[in-house]
Structures are given as structure tokens and as C-alpha cells.
Protein backbone atom coordinates (compact mmCIF):
# COMPACT_ATOMS: atom_id res chain seq x y z
CA MET A 1 79.07 159.45 99.37
CA THR A 2 79.32 156.96 102.15
CA HIS A 3 79.93 157.54 105.82
CA GLU A 4 83.47 156.20 105.33
CA ASP A 5 84.05 158.70 102.49
CA ASP A 6 82.98 161.52 104.80
CA ARG A 7 85.31 160.24 107.53
CA ALA A 8 88.26 160.09 105.12
CA LEU A 9 87.61 163.67 103.93
CA SER A 10 87.27 164.94 107.50
CA ARG A 11 90.46 163.13 108.48
CA ALA A 12 92.35 164.66 105.51
CA LEU A 13 91.18 168.17 106.41
CA LEU A 14 92.09 167.65 110.06
CA ASP A 15 95.54 166.25 109.17
CA ALA A 16 96.21 169.28 106.94
CA ARG A 17 95.08 171.63 109.72
CA ARG A 18 97.30 169.94 112.31
CA ALA A 19 100.27 170.18 109.93
CA GLY A 20 99.55 173.86 109.20
CA ARG A 21 98.81 173.22 105.51
CA ARG A 22 96.22 174.92 103.32
CA CYS A 23 94.28 172.66 101.00
CA ALA A 24 91.34 172.92 98.64
CA LEU A 25 87.90 171.36 98.92
CA ALA A 26 86.00 170.60 95.69
CA THR A 27 82.26 169.86 95.92
CA VAL A 28 79.88 168.86 93.12
CA VAL A 29 77.10 171.46 93.46
CA ALA A 30 74.99 170.80 90.35
CA THR A 31 74.60 168.13 87.68
CA LYS A 32 72.61 167.78 84.49
CA GLY A 33 72.29 164.53 82.57
CA SER A 34 74.51 161.52 83.11
CA THR A 35 77.55 162.28 85.29
CA PRO A 36 80.06 160.06 87.12
CA ARG A 37 79.28 161.66 90.50
CA LYS A 38 76.24 163.45 91.87
CA VAL A 39 75.62 166.58 93.96
CA GLY A 40 77.51 166.39 97.26
CA ALA A 41 80.50 164.39 96.02
CA ARG A 42 83.66 165.95 97.44
CA MET A 43 87.41 165.82 97.02
CA VAL A 44 90.24 167.30 99.08
CA VAL A 45 93.29 168.50 97.16
CA ASP A 46 96.29 168.77 99.47
CA PRO A 47 99.41 169.76 97.50
CA GLU A 48 101.65 167.92 99.98
CA ALA A 49 99.55 164.87 100.90
CA GLY A 50 97.63 164.29 97.65
CA LEU A 51 93.97 163.65 96.91
CA VAL A 52 91.19 162.25 99.07
CA GLY A 53 87.80 161.54 97.52
CA THR A 54 86.75 162.06 93.92
CA VAL A 55 84.50 164.24 91.80
CA GLY A 56 84.45 161.77 88.93
CA GLY A 57 87.93 160.96 87.68
CA GLY A 58 89.42 161.44 84.24
CA CYS A 59 89.89 164.71 82.41
CA GLY A 60 87.11 166.49 84.28
CA GLU A 61 88.69 165.73 87.63
CA ALA A 62 92.07 166.84 86.27
CA GLU A 63 90.52 170.23 85.44
CA VAL A 64 89.12 170.46 88.97
CA ILE A 65 92.57 169.67 90.40
CA GLN A 66 94.09 172.44 88.25
CA ALA A 67 91.41 174.82 89.52
CA ALA A 68 92.21 173.78 93.10
CA HIS A 69 95.84 174.77 92.60
CA ARG A 70 94.72 178.14 91.17
CA VAL A 71 92.40 178.66 94.14
CA LEU A 72 95.27 177.94 96.53
CA SER A 73 97.45 180.43 94.65
CA THR A 74 94.90 183.23 94.34
CA GLY A 75 92.76 182.66 97.42
CA ARG A 76 89.63 183.07 95.27
CA ALA A 77 87.01 180.32 95.03
CA GLU A 78 86.02 179.03 91.58
CA ARG A 79 83.03 177.20 90.18
CA VAL A 80 84.22 174.83 87.46
CA ARG A 81 81.83 173.55 84.80
CA VAL A 82 82.82 170.07 83.60
CA ASP A 83 81.14 169.33 80.28
CA LEU A 84 81.02 165.62 79.49
CA THR A 85 78.84 165.92 76.38
CA ASP A 86 81.45 165.47 73.62
CA ASP A 87 80.46 163.64 70.48
CA LEU A 88 79.96 159.94 71.24
CA LEU A 89 82.24 159.14 68.29
CA SER A 90 85.17 161.03 69.86
CA TRP A 91 86.62 157.81 71.36
CA SER A 92 86.84 159.56 74.69
CA PRO A 93 85.98 157.53 77.80
CA ALA A 94 84.97 160.84 79.43
CA VAL A 95 81.74 161.10 77.44
CA CYS A 96 79.00 160.50 80.02
CA GLY A 97 76.51 162.85 78.39
CA GLY A 98 76.13 165.31 81.27
CA ILE A 99 77.46 168.46 82.88
CA MET A 100 78.74 168.96 86.45
CA ASP A 101 79.39 172.20 88.31
CA VAL A 102 82.08 171.86 90.97
CA PHE A 103 82.70 174.55 93.60
CA VAL A 104 86.37 174.74 94.62
CA GLU A 105 87.36 176.64 97.77
CA ALA A 106 90.51 177.02 99.82
CA VAL A 107 90.53 175.74 103.39
CA ALA A 108 92.98 177.68 105.52
CA ALA A 109 95.37 175.95 107.89
CA ASP A 110 93.20 177.12 110.79
CA GLY A 111 90.21 175.24 109.33
CA ARG A 112 88.37 178.25 107.90
CA ALA A 113 87.22 178.28 104.30
CA GLY A 114 88.92 181.09 102.47
CA GLY A 115 92.02 182.47 100.88
CA SER A 116 95.62 182.70 101.93
CA GLY A 117 94.97 182.66 105.65
CA GLY A 118 92.74 185.76 105.48
CA THR A 119 89.06 185.97 106.19
CA ALA A 120 86.67 183.50 104.59
CA GLY A 121 84.64 186.32 103.07
CA GLY A 122 87.53 187.28 100.81
CA SER A 123 86.73 184.54 98.32
CA ALA A 124 82.95 184.35 98.37
CA GLY A 125 81.17 185.47 95.23
CA ARG A 126 84.21 185.96 93.01
CA ALA A 127 86.12 183.74 90.64
CA GLY A 128 88.69 184.01 87.92
CA GLY A 129 86.14 183.46 85.14
CA ARG A 130 88.70 182.10 82.70
CA SER A 131 87.67 179.61 80.05
CA ARG A 132 89.50 176.28 80.02
CA SER A 133 89.47 173.25 77.78
CA GLY A 134 90.31 169.72 78.89
CA ALA A 135 93.17 167.87 77.21
CA SER A 136 90.74 165.27 75.89
CA GLY A 137 87.24 164.18 76.62
CA GLY A 138 85.31 166.64 78.79
CA ARG A 139 85.47 170.39 78.44
CA SER A 140 85.75 172.47 81.58
CA ARG A 141 85.60 176.16 82.30
CA SER A 142 85.65 178.30 85.38
CA ILE A 143 82.55 180.41 85.79
CA PRO A 144 81.88 183.24 88.22
CA THR A 145 80.58 182.04 91.58
CA ASP A 146 77.96 184.78 91.68
CA GLY A 147 75.80 183.05 89.04
CA ARG A 148 76.78 185.20 86.06
CA GLY A 149 77.97 182.06 84.22
């Protein structure tokens, strides 16, 4: 990520805070193999203002966006595994050959990480743990944030 990317993300979080909106922050926390983005790539998902930044685009990013909306609804952070290792003959442009783990957390309107305006500790260490499949290309699933994945 560049300095300008960081500034745009900070600006988006500040704008959401000033407007009293909750948003979600997605951060690539682990990669294995070839992936479109590396550890540290971030994206803000603001339901009213849209997206700022990217965690890779395509089907994998769409799964992360869906997870961000779940996180905003439940107040519980999720770690999403984006699997981009489909068969090379699948005709999918999402086949990079790697796997990314993306941590998705809510950012409260007061600037704190956490759930629906409560304490930040309410979301740490827990996730929905539901399996998910992408529409095409990469496969994604939410895994517990406590490492039981």
C-alpha cells in the first residue's frame, strides 16, 4: 500500500466518524502462494459511502464485502479465507494460485473498533464460522478468529 492509499483509508474512516456512520475495515492478514494483494492491504466498506481501497478485487473481494455487511449486522469480527486455487482450466480470472486470510472488523461511529457501538472487546476472538462459496472463481469461508480454523 502506498502513502496515498493510507491517506484515502484514513480519510474515509474519519468521514464516516464525522457523519456518525459505522463501517467495516478489512485487512489482509496472511497469504500463501500467488495472491492479488499482500499482507497489510486494507479496504473500508461504508454502506452509505461505498468502498475505499481493495483486498484484491473479483469474487474474493465480493466475499469480503459480504462478510463486512455481516460484521456490521452482528457486531462480531470475522476472518475470511479467500481460496484462489481453483483448477486452472476453470476459465475463472480469479485463479491466482494462492490463499488470503482477511480480517474484517466493525469500526464504530466513535472511531473504536468493535460492534454496534459497544465495547471493542465484544468482537475480539469470535466469528460466525460459517462456510461460504464464491459465485465463481475463488472459494471463501469465514473461519473463527481465535485460530481454530
